[in-house]
Amino acid sequence: MRVAVYYSNNDIRLEERPTPVIGPGEILLRTEACGICGSDTLEWYRKDRAPLILGHEVAGTIVEIGRGVRHYKIWDRVAVSHHVPCNTCHYCLNDNHTVCETLRTTNFDPGGFSEYIRLPSINVDRGVYKLPDSVSFEEATFIEPIACVLRGHRKIQLKKGQSLLILGCGISGLLNLLAAKALGLHPIMMTDIDEYRMEKARTLGADVILSASEEVPQKVRHSNNGRGADRVILTTGAPSAIEQALASVDRAGVILFFAPIKDNTPFPLPINDIFWRHEGTLTSTYAAAPDDHREALEMITERKIDPSSLITHQLKLDETQKGFQLTAKPDRSLKVIIKPHLH
């Protein structure tokens, strides 16, 4: 089978690999669509481990099932999650599935930028989601990223009646916007420096669009009756955005680090001003649990979230390098989807 092998964002090679052989309890999936996640393009995170076959936002068709697989059949249309929890450890039993060691060590064989994927039995047991006919493979690639958004929103107890500031109008910021709108939040304020992404946020219903090059904290208060934002979501790890988040959050507010910071760079925190005196909270989320995936699929199915307008490019497997470049340095691009069997 053909695979796209990552060496760097500018060096992704189409290679031949044996099609995986499945065992008992396993599934062979024909990859119909796989989204490129922004995390796939983080060279400081990926490059030292190259070569890699990446891709985790996967939807496809089951073409082979192993002995003992009961709930799925050949030709089922499904979305799959690469990380799945054990459900029995201390963390899982306390609803912290995404710090479970099993979740952080499970994966596909190989990644989604390949024609076929072997799903290990643990993934088959708790990481496969049947798709209704109304949900396309392309839309299904959003299940995993939306699941991550929903988990973040639960972590910060996002709810109607709160004001929200989202720093970044890239794909993560826009998915946070759509999920927050589904909850009925108002106002939702967003920042960026790219006019194309800012306009997209505006058309998707953001109440206030701010240029990240302006005095964001002052403009947030001007747009929110003199108060900072109740909840702030950082979908960028830029130091300037972190500074704006700290200066824009309201008393007793919460800041969510949705995106990582490059190279784990230290950052000074105004402990007294933000946390001690104003009782603020800073937190983060990583990945998503099976319940988050199920909820994401339900929201897409019921059109509470419609991600289809975020798809800007659908590319062939041999165009994966182009897709990574579009994602790493977006220029009028949002979601790039690789379709390994597209010719």
C-alpha atoms as a PDB file:
ATOM      1  CA  MET A   1       0.000   0.000   0.000  1.00  0.00           C
ATOM      2  CA  ARG A   2       1.023   3.627  -0.382  1.00  0.00           C
ATOM      3  CA  VAL A   3       1.870   5.770   2.631  1.00  0.00           C
ATOM      4  CA  ALA A   4       2.972   9.385   3.082  1.00  0.00           C
ATOM      5  CA  VAL A   5       6.052   9.391   5.322  1.00  0.00           C
ATOM      6  CA  TYR A   6       6.870  12.512   7.320  1.00  0.00           C
ATOM      7  CA  TYR A   7      10.512  13.613   7.557  1.00  0.00           C
ATOM      8  CA  SER A   8       9.702  17.324   7.937  1.00  0.00           C
ATOM      9  CA  ASN A   9       6.975  19.701   6.794  1.00  0.00           C
ATOM     10  CA  ASN A  10       8.911  20.186   3.564  1.00  0.00           C
ATOM     11  CA  ASP A  11       9.921  16.555   3.121  1.00  0.00           C
ATOM     12  CA  ILE A  12       7.020  14.108   2.987  1.00  0.00           C
ATOM     13  CA  ARG A  13       7.656  11.120   0.764  1.00  0.00           C
ATOM     14  CA  LEU A  14       5.241   8.729  -0.899  1.00  0.00           C
ATOM     15  CA  GLU A  15       6.486   5.234  -0.122  1.00  0.00           C
ATOM     16  CA  GLU A  16       5.303   1.639  -0.387  1.00  0.00           C
ATOM     17  CA  ARG A  17       4.721  -0.426   2.764  1.00  0.00           C
ATOM     18  CA  PRO A  18       3.122  -3.835   3.293  1.00  0.00           C
ATOM     19  CA  THR A  19      -0.605  -3.648   3.969  1.00  0.00           C
ATOM     20  CA  PRO A  20      -1.047  -4.442   7.687  1.00  0.00           C
ATOM     21  CA  VAL A  21      -2.111  -7.961   8.623  1.00  0.00           C
ATOM     22  CA  ILE A  22      -4.824  -8.013  11.282  1.00  0.00           C
ATOM     23  CA  GLY A  23      -5.195 -10.450  14.168  1.00  0.00           C
ATOM     24  CA  PRO A  24      -8.045 -11.507  16.458  1.00  0.00           C
ATOM     25  CA  GLY A  25     -10.232  -8.630  17.589  1.00  0.00           C
ATOM     26  CA  GLU A  26      -8.703  -6.269  15.034  1.00  0.00           C
ATOM     27  CA  ILE A  27     -10.033  -4.363  12.022  1.00  0.00           C
ATOM     28  CA  LEU A  28      -8.475  -3.369   8.708  1.00  0.00           C
ATOM     29  CA  LEU A  29      -9.743   0.049   7.656  1.00  0.00           C
ATOM     30  CA  ARG A  30      -9.589   1.563   4.201  1.00  0.00           C
ATOM     31  CA  THR A  31      -8.754   5.219   4.853  1.00  0.00           C
ATOM     32  CA  GLU A  32     -11.247   7.386   2.997  1.00  0.00           C
ATOM     33  CA  ALA A  33     -10.309  10.746   4.564  1.00  0.00           C
ATOM     34  CA  CYS A  34      -7.813  12.035   7.097  1.00  0.00           C
ATOM     35  CA  GLY A  35      -7.562  15.627   8.244  1.00  0.00           C
ATOM     36  CA  ILE A  36      -4.230  17.331   8.821  1.00  0.00           C
ATOM     37  CA  CYS A  37      -4.117  18.564  12.412  1.00  0.00           C
ATOM     38  CA  GLY A  38      -2.099  21.627  13.323  1.00  0.00           C
ATOM     39  CA  SER A  39      -0.176  19.427  15.763  1.00  0.00           C
ATOM     40  CA  ASP A  40       0.968  17.263  12.833  1.00  0.00           C
ATOM     41  CA  THR A  41       2.933  20.237  11.520  1.00  0.00           C
ATOM     42  CA  LEU A  42       4.725  21.152  14.780  1.00  0.00           C
ATOM     43  CA  GLU A  43       8.278  20.368  13.681  1.00  0.00           C
ATOM     44  CA  TRP A  44       9.753  21.027  17.137  1.00  0.00           C
ATOM     45  CA  TYR A  45       7.461  18.251  18.406  1.00  0.00           C
ATOM     46  CA  ARG A  46       7.664  15.812  15.488  1.00  0.00           C
ATOM     47  CA  LYS A  47      10.960  16.131  13.645  1.00  0.00           C
ATOM     48  CA  ASP A  48      13.248  14.403  16.171  1.00  0.00           C
ATOM     49  CA  ARG A  49      11.078  11.270  15.923  1.00  0.00           C
ATOM     50  CA  ALA A  50      10.926  11.185  12.119  1.00  0.00           C
ATOM     51  CA  PRO A  51      10.375   9.289   9.910  1.00  0.00           C
ATOM     52  CA  LEU A  52       6.723   8.980  10.900  1.00  0.00           C
ATOM     53  CA  ILE A  53       3.411   8.124   9.288  1.00  0.00           C
ATOM     54  CA  LEU A  54       1.114  10.667  10.893  1.00  0.00           C
ATOM     55  CA  GLY A  55      -2.621  11.300  10.692  1.00  0.00           C
ATOM     56  CA  HIS A  56      -5.189  10.796  13.441  1.00  0.00           C
ATOM     57  CA  GLU A  57      -8.364  12.532  12.206  1.00  0.00           C
ATOM     58  CA  VAL A  58      -9.537   9.432  10.362  1.00  0.00           C
ATOM     59  CA  ALA A  59     -12.705   8.162   8.725  1.00  0.00           C
ATOM     60  CA  GLY A  60     -12.961   5.111   6.519  1.00  0.00           C
ATOM     61  CA  THR A  61     -14.554   1.851   5.476  1.00  0.00           C
ATOM     62  CA  ILE A  62     -14.042  -1.476   7.237  1.00  0.00           C
ATOM     63  CA  VAL A  63     -12.677  -3.986   4.695  1.00  0.00           C
ATOM     64  CA  GLU A  64     -11.611  -6.841   6.964  1.00  0.00           C
ATOM     65  CA  ILE A  65     -12.514  -7.951  10.480  1.00  0.00           C
ATOM     66  CA  GLY A  66     -10.608 -10.292  12.771  1.00  0.00           C
ATOM     67  CA  ARG A  67     -11.939 -13.232  14.712  1.00  0.00           C
ATOM     68  CA  GLY A  68     -14.090 -12.151  17.640  1.00  0.00           C
ATOM     69  CA  VAL A  69     -15.130  -8.732  16.296  1.00  0.00           C
ATOM     70  CA  ARG A  70     -18.871  -8.595  16.966  1.00  0.00           C
ATOM     71  CA  HIS A  71     -20.172  -5.053  16.711  1.00  0.00           C
ATOM     72  CA  TYR A  72     -18.856  -4.155  13.258  1.00  0.00           C
ATOM     73  CA  LYS A  73     -19.012  -5.672   9.808  1.00  0.00           C
ATOM     74  CA  ILE A  74     -17.298  -5.272   6.465  1.00  0.00           C
ATOM     75  CA  TRP A  75     -18.339  -2.103   4.596  1.00  0.00           C
ATOM     76  CA  ASP A  76     -19.347  -0.264   7.768  1.00  0.00           C
ATOM     77  CA  ARG A  77     -18.549   3.421   7.500  1.00  0.00           C
ATOM     78  CA  VAL A  78     -16.745   4.559  10.667  1.00  0.00           C
ATOM     79  CA  ALA A  79     -14.630   7.202  12.329  1.00  0.00           C
ATOM     80  CA  VAL A  80     -11.866   6.006  14.638  1.00  0.00           C
ATOM     81  CA  SER A  81      -9.841   7.451  17.497  1.00  0.00           C
ATOM     82  CA  HIS A  82      -6.123   6.738  17.735  1.00  0.00           C
ATOM     83  CA  HIS A  83      -5.827   7.256  21.521  1.00  0.00           C
ATOM     84  CA  VAL A  84      -8.091   5.221  23.802  1.00  0.00           C
ATOM     85  CA  PRO A  85      -8.049   4.885  27.607  1.00  0.00           C
ATOM     86  CA  CYS A  86      -7.857   1.786  29.811  1.00  0.00           C
ATOM     87  CA  ASN A  87     -11.023   2.778  31.765  1.00  0.00           C
ATOM     88  CA  THR A  88      -9.679   1.093  34.921  1.00  0.00           C
ATOM     89  CA  CYS A  89      -6.769   3.205  36.221  1.00  0.00           C
ATOM     90  CA  HIS A  90      -6.917   5.917  38.897  1.00  0.00           C
ATOM     91  CA  TYR A  91      -7.156   8.649  36.271  1.00  0.00           C
ATOM     92  CA  CYS A  92      -9.947   7.040  34.235  1.00  0.00           C
ATOM     93  CA  LEU A  93     -11.972   6.291  37.356  1.00  0.00           C
ATOM     94  CA  ASN A  94     -11.781   9.990  38.230  1.00  0.00           C
ATOM     95  CA  ASP A  95     -12.872  11.149  34.745  1.00  0.00           C
ATOM     96  CA  ASN A  96      -9.336  12.117  33.757  1.00  0.00           C
ATOM     97  CA  HIS A  97      -9.139   9.685  30.843  1.00  0.00           C
ATOM     98  CA  THR A  98      -6.851  11.898  28.789  1.00  0.00           C
ATOM     99  CA  VAL A  99      -3.952  11.563  31.235  1.00  0.00           C
ATOM    100  CA  CYS A 100      -4.315   7.765  31.290  1.00  0.00           C
ATOM    101  CA  GLU A 101      -1.025   6.086  30.356  1.00  0.00           C
ATOM    102  CA  THR A 102      -2.828   3.667  28.052  1.00  0.00           C
ATOM    103  CA  LEU A 103      -4.450   6.535  26.160  1.00  0.00           C
ATOM    104  CA  ARG A 104      -1.046   8.114  25.588  1.00  0.00           C
ATOM    105  CA  THR A 105       0.527   4.920  24.277  1.00  0.00           C
ATOM    106  CA  THR A 106      -2.248   3.528  22.014  1.00  0.00           C
ATOM    107  CA  ASN A 107      -2.278   4.292  18.293  1.00  0.00           C
ATOM    108  CA  PHE A 108      -3.103   3.076  14.788  1.00  0.00           C
ATOM    109  CA  ASP A 109      -0.824   0.975  12.581  1.00  0.00           C
ATOM    110  CA  PRO A 110       0.248   3.077  10.760  1.00  0.00           C
ATOM    111  CA  GLY A 111      -1.125   6.651  10.846  1.00  0.00           C
ATOM    112  CA  GLY A 112      -3.976   7.975   8.745  1.00  0.00           C
ATOM    113  CA  PHE A 113      -1.866   9.218   5.832  1.00  0.00           C
ATOM    114  CA  SER A 114      -1.914   5.735   4.368  1.00  0.00           C
ATOM    115  CA  GLU A 115      -4.271   3.697   2.234  1.00  0.00           C
ATOM    116  CA  TYR A 116      -5.075   1.186   4.989  1.00  0.00           C
ATOM    117  CA  ILE A 117      -4.883   1.127   8.788  1.00  0.00           C
ATOM    118  CA  ARG A 118      -4.837  -1.735  11.266  1.00  0.00           C
ATOM    119  CA  LEU A 119      -6.925  -0.991  14.338  1.00  0.00           C
ATOM    120  CA  PRO A 120      -5.621  -2.853  17.409  1.00  0.00           C
ATOM    121  CA  SER A 121      -8.214  -4.703  19.471  1.00  0.00           C
ATOM    122  CA  ILE A 122      -8.251  -2.073  22.232  1.00  0.00           C
ATOM    123  CA  ASN A 123      -9.097   0.608  19.650  1.00  0.00           C
ATOM    124  CA  VAL A 124     -11.806  -1.620  18.188  1.00  0.00           C
ATOM    125  CA  ASP A 125     -13.246  -2.100  21.672  1.00  0.00           C
ATOM    126  CA  ARG A 126     -13.525   1.590  22.566  1.00  0.00           C
ATOM    127  CA  GLY A 127     -12.514   3.803  19.659  1.00  0.00           C
ATOM    128  CA  VAL A 128     -14.705   3.036  16.627  1.00  0.00           C
ATOM    129  CA  TYR A 129     -17.824   5.084  15.830  1.00  0.00           C
ATOM    130  CA  LYS A 130     -20.337   4.084  13.162  1.00  0.00           C
ATOM    131  CA  LEU A 131     -21.301   6.915  10.848  1.00  0.00           C
ATOM    132  CA  PRO A 132     -24.887   7.631   9.814  1.00  0.00           C
ATOM    133  CA  ASP A 133     -25.410   8.039   6.081  1.00  0.00           C
ATOM    134  CA  SER A 134     -25.990  11.760   6.615  1.00  0.00           C
ATOM    135  CA  VAL A 135     -22.391  12.318   7.772  1.00  0.00           C
ATOM    136  CA  SER A 136     -19.746  12.296   5.043  1.00  0.00           C
ATOM    137  CA  PHE A 137     -16.255  10.924   5.509  1.00  0.00           C
ATOM    138  CA  GLU A 138     -14.925  14.465   5.204  1.00  0.00           C
ATOM    139  CA  GLU A 139     -17.215  15.744   7.955  1.00  0.00           C
ATOM    140  CA  ALA A 140     -16.305  12.732  10.097  1.00  0.00           C
ATOM    141  CA  THR A 141     -12.648  13.808  10.162  1.00  0.00           C
ATOM    142  CA  PHE A 142     -13.798  16.616  12.454  1.00  0.00           C
ATOM    143  CA  ILE A 143     -15.049  14.231  15.149  1.00  0.00           C
ATOM    144  CA  GLU A 144     -11.664  14.000  16.868  1.00  0.00           C
ATOM    145  CA  PRO A 145     -10.856  17.743  16.875  1.00  0.00           C
ATOM    146  CA  ILE A 146     -14.397  18.654  17.970  1.00  0.00           C
ATOM    147  CA  ALA A 147     -14.142  16.037  20.728  1.00  0.00           C
ATOM    148  CA  CYS A 148     -11.000  17.804  21.964  1.00  0.00           C
ATOM    149  CA  VAL A 149     -12.904  21.108  21.951  1.00  0.00           C
ATOM    150  CA  LEU A 150     -15.831  19.663  23.895  1.00  0.00           C
ATOM    151  CA  ARG A 151     -13.521  18.212  26.527  1.00  0.00           C
ATOM    152  CA  GLY A 152     -11.870  21.610  26.927  1.00  0.00           C
ATOM    153  CA  HIS A 153     -15.240  23.302  27.314  1.00  0.00           C
ATOM    154  CA  ARG A 154     -16.236  20.833  30.003  1.00  0.00           C
ATOM    155  CA  LYS A 155     -12.944  21.355  31.805  1.00  0.00           C
ATOM    156  CA  ILE A 156     -13.559  25.100  32.116  1.00  0.00           C
ATOM    157  CA  GLN A 157     -17.303  24.635  32.732  1.00  0.00           C
ATOM    158  CA  LEU A 158     -18.260  26.756  29.759  1.00  0.00           C
ATOM    159  CA  LYS A 159     -21.951  27.645  29.786  1.00  0.00           C
ATOM    160  CA  LYS A 160     -24.538  30.133  28.606  1.00  0.00           C
ATOM    161  CA  GLY A 161     -24.305  33.490  30.368  1.00  0.00           C
ATOM    162  CA  GLN A 162     -20.512  33.654  30.214  1.00  0.00           C
ATOM    163  CA  SER A 163     -18.408  35.850  28.000  1.00  0.00           C
ATOM    164  CA  LEU A 164     -15.712  34.099  25.970  1.00  0.00           C
ATOM    165  CA  LEU A 165     -12.465  35.268  24.397  1.00  0.00           C
ATOM    166  CA  ILE A 166     -10.818  32.927  21.867  1.00  0.00           C
ATOM    167  CA  LEU A 167      -7.284  33.847  20.877  1.00  0.00           C
ATOM    168  CA  GLY A 168      -6.699  32.608  17.342  1.00  0.00           C
ATOM    169  CA  CYS A 169      -9.064  32.222  14.381  1.00  0.00           C
ATOM    170  CA  GLY A 170      -7.392  29.153  12.917  1.00  0.00           C
ATOM    171  CA  ILE A 171      -9.185  25.829  12.685  1.00  0.00           C
ATOM    172  CA  SER A 172      -9.020  25.198  16.458  1.00  0.00           C
ATOM    173  CA  GLY A 173     -10.342  28.655  17.229  1.00  0.00           C
ATOM    174  CA  LEU A 174     -13.180  28.305  14.748  1.00  0.00           C
ATOM    175  CA  LEU A 175     -14.211  24.905  16.116  1.00  0.00           C
ATOM    176  CA  ASN A 176     -14.217  26.403  19.615  1.00  0.00           C
ATOM    177  CA  LEU A 177     -16.413  29.171  18.232  1.00  0.00           C
ATOM    178  CA  LEU A 178     -18.931  26.759  16.691  1.00  0.00           C
ATOM    179  CA  ALA A 179     -19.137  24.679  19.869  1.00  0.00           C
ATOM    180  CA  ALA A 180     -19.549  27.777  22.040  1.00  0.00           C
ATOM    181  CA  LYS A 181     -22.297  29.096  19.775  1.00  0.00           C
ATOM    182  CA  ALA A 182     -24.090  25.768  20.152  1.00  0.00           C
ATOM    183  CA  LEU A 183     -24.114  26.430  23.907  1.00  0.00           C
ATOM    184  CA  GLY A 184     -25.602  29.893  23.375  1.00  0.00           C
ATOM    185  CA  LEU A 185     -22.665  31.936  24.680  1.00  0.00           C
ATOM    186  CA  HIS A 186     -22.605  35.708  24.187  1.00  0.00           C
ATOM    187  CA  PRO A 187     -20.492  37.647  23.597  1.00  0.00           C
ATOM    188  CA  ILE A 188     -17.862  35.538  21.852  1.00  0.00           C
ATOM    189  CA  MET A 189     -14.777  37.594  21.080  1.00  0.00           C
ATOM    190  CA  MET A 190     -11.927  36.404  18.849  1.00  0.00           C
ATOM    191  CA  THR A 191      -8.483  37.643  17.861  1.00  0.00           C
ATOM    192  CA  ASP A 192      -6.085  37.040  15.002  1.00  0.00           C
ATOM    193  CA  ILE A 193      -3.779  38.912  12.630  1.00  0.00           C
ATOM    194  CA  ASP A 194      -4.889  37.201   9.416  1.00  0.00           C
ATOM    195  CA  GLU A 195      -7.736  38.965   7.626  1.00  0.00           C
ATOM    196  CA  TYR A 196      -8.979  35.819   5.889  1.00  0.00           C
ATOM    197  CA  ARG A 197      -9.351  33.903   9.164  1.00  0.00           C
ATOM    198  CA  MET A 198     -10.863  36.904  10.944  1.00  0.00           C
ATOM    199  CA  GLU A 199     -13.477  37.249   8.215  1.00  0.00           C
ATOM    200  CA  LYS A 200     -14.260  33.535   8.482  1.00  0.00           C
ATOM    201  CA  ALA A 201     -14.819  33.921  12.223  1.00  0.00           C
ATOM    202  CA  ARG A 202     -17.142  36.822  11.515  1.00  0.00           C
ATOM    203  CA  THR A 203     -19.205  34.842   8.998  1.00  0.00           C
ATOM    204  CA  LEU A 204     -19.475  31.940  11.458  1.00  0.00           C
ATOM    205  CA  GLY A 205     -21.015  34.204  14.063  1.00  0.00           C
ATOM    206  CA  ALA A 206     -18.305  35.606  16.332  1.00  0.00           C
ATOM    207  CA  ASP A 207     -19.724  38.706  18.030  1.00  0.00           C
ATOM    208  CA  VAL A 208     -16.488  40.690  18.187  1.00  0.00           C
ATOM    209  CA  ILE A 209     -13.377  40.352  16.022  1.00  0.00           C
ATOM    210  CA  LEU A 210     -10.206  41.996  17.307  1.00  0.00           C
ATOM    211  CA  SER A 211      -6.849  42.399  15.647  1.00  0.00           C
ATOM    212  CA  ALA A 212      -4.201  40.725  17.803  1.00  0.00           C
ATOM    213  CA  SER A 213      -1.897  43.639  16.997  1.00  0.00           C
ATOM    214  CA  GLU A 214      -4.184  46.061  18.882  1.00  0.00           C
ATOM    215  CA  GLU A 215      -4.742  46.592  22.621  1.00  0.00           C
ATOM    216  CA  VAL A 216      -6.758  43.422  23.077  1.00  0.00           C
ATOM    217  CA  PRO A 217      -7.403  43.626  26.856  1.00  0.00           C
ATOM    218  CA  GLN A 218      -8.761  47.168  26.569  1.00  0.00           C
ATOM    219  CA  LYS A 219     -10.988  46.272  23.610  1.00  0.00           C
ATOM    220  CA  VAL A 220     -12.265  43.145  25.369  1.00  0.00           C
ATOM    221  CA  ARG A 221     -13.456  45.266  28.291  1.00  0.00           C
ATOM    222  CA  HIS A 222     -14.971  47.805  25.934  1.00  0.00           C
ATOM    223  CA  SER A 223     -16.933  44.980  24.259  1.00  0.00           C
ATOM    224  CA  ASN A 224     -17.964  43.307  27.532  1.00  0.00           C
ATOM    225  CA  ASN A 225     -19.477  46.068  29.698  1.00  0.00           C
ATOM    226  CA  GLY A 226     -16.159  46.993  31.260  1.00  0.00           C
ATOM    227  CA  ARG A 227     -15.260  43.468  32.359  1.00  0.00           C
ATOM    228  CA  GLY A 228     -12.677  41.008  31.206  1.00  0.00           C
ATOM    229  CA  ALA A 229     -13.748  37.711  29.689  1.00  0.00           C
ATOM    230  CA  ASP A 230     -15.167  35.019  31.978  1.00  0.00           C
ATOM    231  CA  ARG A 231     -13.424  32.347  29.936  1.00  0.00           C
ATOM    232  CA  VAL A 232     -10.360  32.654  27.712  1.00  0.00           C
ATOM    233  CA  ILE A 233      -9.234  29.925  25.304  1.00  0.00           C
ATOM    234  CA  LEU A 234      -5.719  30.036  23.864  1.00  0.00           C
ATOM    235  CA  THR A 235      -5.609  28.229  20.523  1.00  0.00           C
ATOM    236  CA  THR A 236      -2.119  29.580  19.904  1.00  0.00           C
ATOM    237  CA  GLY A 237       1.015  29.239  21.981  1.00  0.00           C
ATOM    238  CA  ALA A 238       2.462  32.599  20.945  1.00  0.00           C
ATOM    239  CA  PRO A 239       3.919  34.474  23.953  1.00  0.00           C
ATOM    240  CA  SER A 240       2.112  37.660  22.920  1.00  0.00           C
ATOM    241  CA  ALA A 241      -1.213  35.789  22.964  1.00  0.00           C
ATOM    242  CA  ILE A 242      -0.479  34.412  26.436  1.00  0.00           C
ATOM    243  CA  GLU A 243       0.196  37.944  27.674  1.00  0.00           C
ATOM    244  CA  GLN A 244      -3.100  39.105  26.181  1.00  0.00           C
ATOM    245  CA  ALA A 245      -4.960  36.198  27.794  1.00  0.00           C
ATOM    246  CA  LEU A 246      -3.580  36.984  31.243  1.00  0.00           C
ATOM    247  CA  ALA A 247      -4.497  40.658  30.850  1.00  0.00           C
ATOM    248  CA  SER A 248      -7.960  39.966  29.412  1.00  0.00           C
ATOM    249  CA  VAL A 249      -9.423  37.429  31.840  1.00  0.00           C
ATOM    250  CA  ASP A 250     -11.979  38.652  34.370  1.00  0.00           C
ATOM    251  CA  ARG A 251     -11.852  38.138  38.122  1.00  0.00           C
ATOM    252  CA  ALA A 252     -12.628  34.493  38.974  1.00  0.00           C
ATOM    253  CA  GLY A 253     -12.136  33.756  35.281  1.00  0.00           C
ATOM    254  CA  VAL A 254     -10.519  30.720  33.662  1.00  0.00           C
ATOM    255  CA  ILE A 255      -7.829  30.514  30.986  1.00  0.00           C
ATOM    256  CA  LEU A 256      -7.628  27.303  28.954  1.00  0.00           C
ATOM    257  CA  PHE A 257      -4.361  26.388  27.255  1.00  0.00           C
ATOM    258  CA  PHE A 258      -5.791  24.532  24.262  1.00  0.00           C
ATOM    259  CA  ALA A 259      -2.558  24.753  22.258  1.00  0.00           C
ATOM    260  CA  PRO A 260       0.955  23.803  23.391  1.00  0.00           C
ATOM    261  CA  ILE A 261       3.848  26.215  23.825  1.00  0.00           C
ATOM    262  CA  LYS A 262       6.880  25.676  21.604  1.00  0.00           C
ATOM    263  CA  ASP A 263       9.657  23.640  23.223  1.00  0.00           C
ATOM    264  CA  ASN A 264       7.977  23.856  26.641  1.00  0.00           C
ATOM    265  CA  THR A 265       9.262  27.440  26.917  1.00  0.00           C
ATOM    266  CA  PRO A 266       8.980  28.891  30.456  1.00  0.00           C
ATOM    267  CA  PHE A 267       6.628  31.835  30.874  1.00  0.00           C
ATOM    268  CA  PRO A 268       6.381  34.160  33.906  1.00  0.00           C
ATOM    269  CA  LEU A 269       2.983  34.296  35.621  1.00  0.00           C
ATOM    270  CA  PRO A 270       1.636  37.230  37.646  1.00  0.00           C
ATOM    271  CA  ILE A 271       0.573  34.965  40.511  1.00  0.00           C
ATOM    272  CA  ASN A 272      -0.710  37.687  42.854  1.00  0.00           C
ATOM    273  CA  ASP A 273      -2.541  39.785  40.274  1.00  0.00           C
ATOM    274  CA  ILE A 274      -4.257  36.970  38.408  1.00  0.00           C
ATOM    275  CA  PHE A 275      -4.532  34.096  40.837  1.00  0.00           C
ATOM    276  CA  TRP A 276      -4.218  35.169  44.461  1.00  0.00           C
ATOM    277  CA  ARG A 277      -6.078  38.492  44.417  1.00  0.00           C
ATOM    278  CA  HIS A 278      -8.505  37.725  41.599  1.00  0.00           C
ATOM    279  CA  GLU A 279      -8.987  33.980  42.112  1.00  0.00           C
ATOM    280  CA  GLY A 280      -8.287  33.151  38.491  1.00  0.00           C
ATOM    281  CA  THR A 281      -7.657  29.663  37.161  1.00  0.00           C
ATOM    282  CA  LEU A 282      -5.262  28.483  34.490  1.00  0.00           C
ATOM    283  CA  THR A 283      -5.770  24.992  33.082  1.00  0.00           C
ATOM    284  CA  SER A 284      -5.226  22.848  29.996  1.00  0.00           C
ATOM    285  CA  THR A 285      -6.613  19.851  28.150  1.00  0.00           C
ATOM    286  CA  TYR A 286      -5.029  17.190  25.977  1.00  0.00           C
ATOM    287  CA  ALA A 287      -6.824  14.940  23.489  1.00  0.00           C
ATOM    288  CA  ALA A 288     -10.313  13.529  24.122  1.00  0.00           C
ATOM    289  CA  ALA A 289     -12.054  10.516  25.640  1.00  0.00           C
ATOM    290  CA  PRO A 290     -14.559   8.145  23.968  1.00  0.00           C
ATOM    291  CA  ASP A 291     -17.580   9.995  25.398  1.00  0.00           C
ATOM    292  CA  ASP A 292     -16.252  13.218  23.859  1.00  0.00           C
ATOM    293  CA  HIS A 293     -16.030  11.525  20.453  1.00  0.00           C
ATOM    294  CA  ARG A 294     -19.572  10.215  20.739  1.00  0.00           C
ATOM    295  CA  GLU A 295     -20.871  13.658  21.648  1.00  0.00           C
ATOM    296  CA  ALA A 296     -18.955  15.242  18.771  1.00  0.00           C
ATOM    297  CA  LEU A 297     -20.475  12.775  16.299  1.00  0.00           C
ATOM    298  CA  GLU A 298     -23.928  13.461  17.716  1.00  0.00           C
ATOM    299  CA  MET A 299     -23.490  17.227  17.345  1.00  0.00           C
ATOM    300  CA  ILE A 300     -22.362  16.853  13.736  1.00  0.00           C
ATOM    301  CA  THR A 301     -25.216  14.441  12.971  1.00  0.00           C
ATOM    302  CA  GLU A 302     -27.802  16.798  14.470  1.00  0.00           C
ATOM    303  CA  ARG A 303     -26.145  19.799  12.760  1.00  0.00           C
ATOM    304  CA  LYS A 304     -25.598  21.563  16.047  1.00  0.00           C
ATOM    305  CA  ILE A 305     -22.093  21.952  14.637  1.00  0.00           C
ATOM    306  CA  ASP A 306     -21.603  21.997  10.866  1.00  0.00           C
ATOM    307  CA  PRO A 307     -17.876  21.869  10.070  1.00  0.00           C
ATOM    308  CA  SER A 308     -18.252  21.469   6.297  1.00  0.00           C
ATOM    309  CA  SER A 309     -17.600  25.143   5.511  1.00  0.00           C
ATOM    310  CA  LEU A 310     -14.181  24.867   7.159  1.00  0.00           C
ATOM    311  CA  ILE A 311     -12.886  22.447   4.513  1.00  0.00           C
ATOM    312  CA  THR A 312     -10.758  24.409   2.080  1.00  0.00           C
ATOM    313  CA  HIS A 313      -8.661  21.665   0.442  1.00  0.00           C
ATOM    314  CA  GLN A 314      -9.122  17.973  -0.392  1.00  0.00           C
ATOM    315  CA  LEU A 315      -5.887  16.475  -1.663  1.00  0.00           C
ATOM    316  CA  LYS A 316      -4.522  13.173  -2.933  1.00  0.00           C
ATOM    317  CA  LEU A 317      -2.059  11.143  -0.876  1.00  0.00           C
ATOM    318  CA  ASP A 318       0.849  12.227  -3.065  1.00  0.00           C
ATOM    319  CA  GLU A 319      -0.070  15.837  -2.277  1.00  0.00           C
ATOM    320  CA  THR A 320       0.368  15.396   1.482  1.00  0.00           C
ATOM    321  CA  GLN A 321       3.460  17.627   1.556  1.00  0.00           C
ATOM    322  CA  LYS A 322       1.448  20.415  -0.057  1.00  0.00           C
ATOM    323  CA  GLY A 323      -1.215  19.852   2.584  1.00  0.00           C
ATOM    324  CA  PHE A 324       1.313  20.174   5.397  1.00  0.00           C
ATOM    325  CA  GLN A 325       2.656  23.398   3.931  1.00  0.00           C
ATOM    326  CA  LEU A 326      -0.868  24.802   3.632  1.00  0.00           C
ATOM    327  CA  THR A 327      -1.542  23.890   7.264  1.00  0.00           C
ATOM    328  CA  ALA A 328       1.795  25.050   8.679  1.00  0.00           C
ATOM    329  CA  LYS A 329       1.668  28.428   6.914  1.00  0.00           C
ATOM    330  CA  PRO A 330      -1.991  28.986   6.141  1.00  0.00           C
ATOM    331  CA  ASP A 331      -2.786  31.287   3.243  1.00  0.00           C
ATOM    332  CA  ARG A 332      -6.522  31.237   2.660  1.00  0.00           C
ATOM    333  CA  SER A 333      -6.649  27.689   3.960  1.00  0.00           C
ATOM    334  CA  LEU A 334      -8.373  26.241   7.005  1.00  0.00           C
ATOM    335  CA  LYS A 335      -8.951  22.485   7.015  1.00  0.00           C
ATOM    336  CA  VAL A 336      -6.895  20.340   4.663  1.00  0.00           C
ATOM    337  CA  ILE A 337      -8.075  16.756   4.168  1.00  0.00           C
ATOM    338  CA  ILE A 338      -6.034  13.984   2.599  1.00  0.00           C
ATOM    339  CA  LYS A 339      -7.991  11.333   0.662  1.00  0.00           C
ATOM    340  CA  PRO A 340      -5.610   8.385   0.087  1.00  0.00           C
ATOM    341  CA  HIS A 341      -7.766   6.715  -2.582  1.00  0.00           C
ATOM    342  CA  LEU A 342      -8.441   9.887  -4.554  1.00  0.00           C
ATOM    343  CA  HIS A 343      -6.935   9.738  -8.031  1.00  0.00           C
END
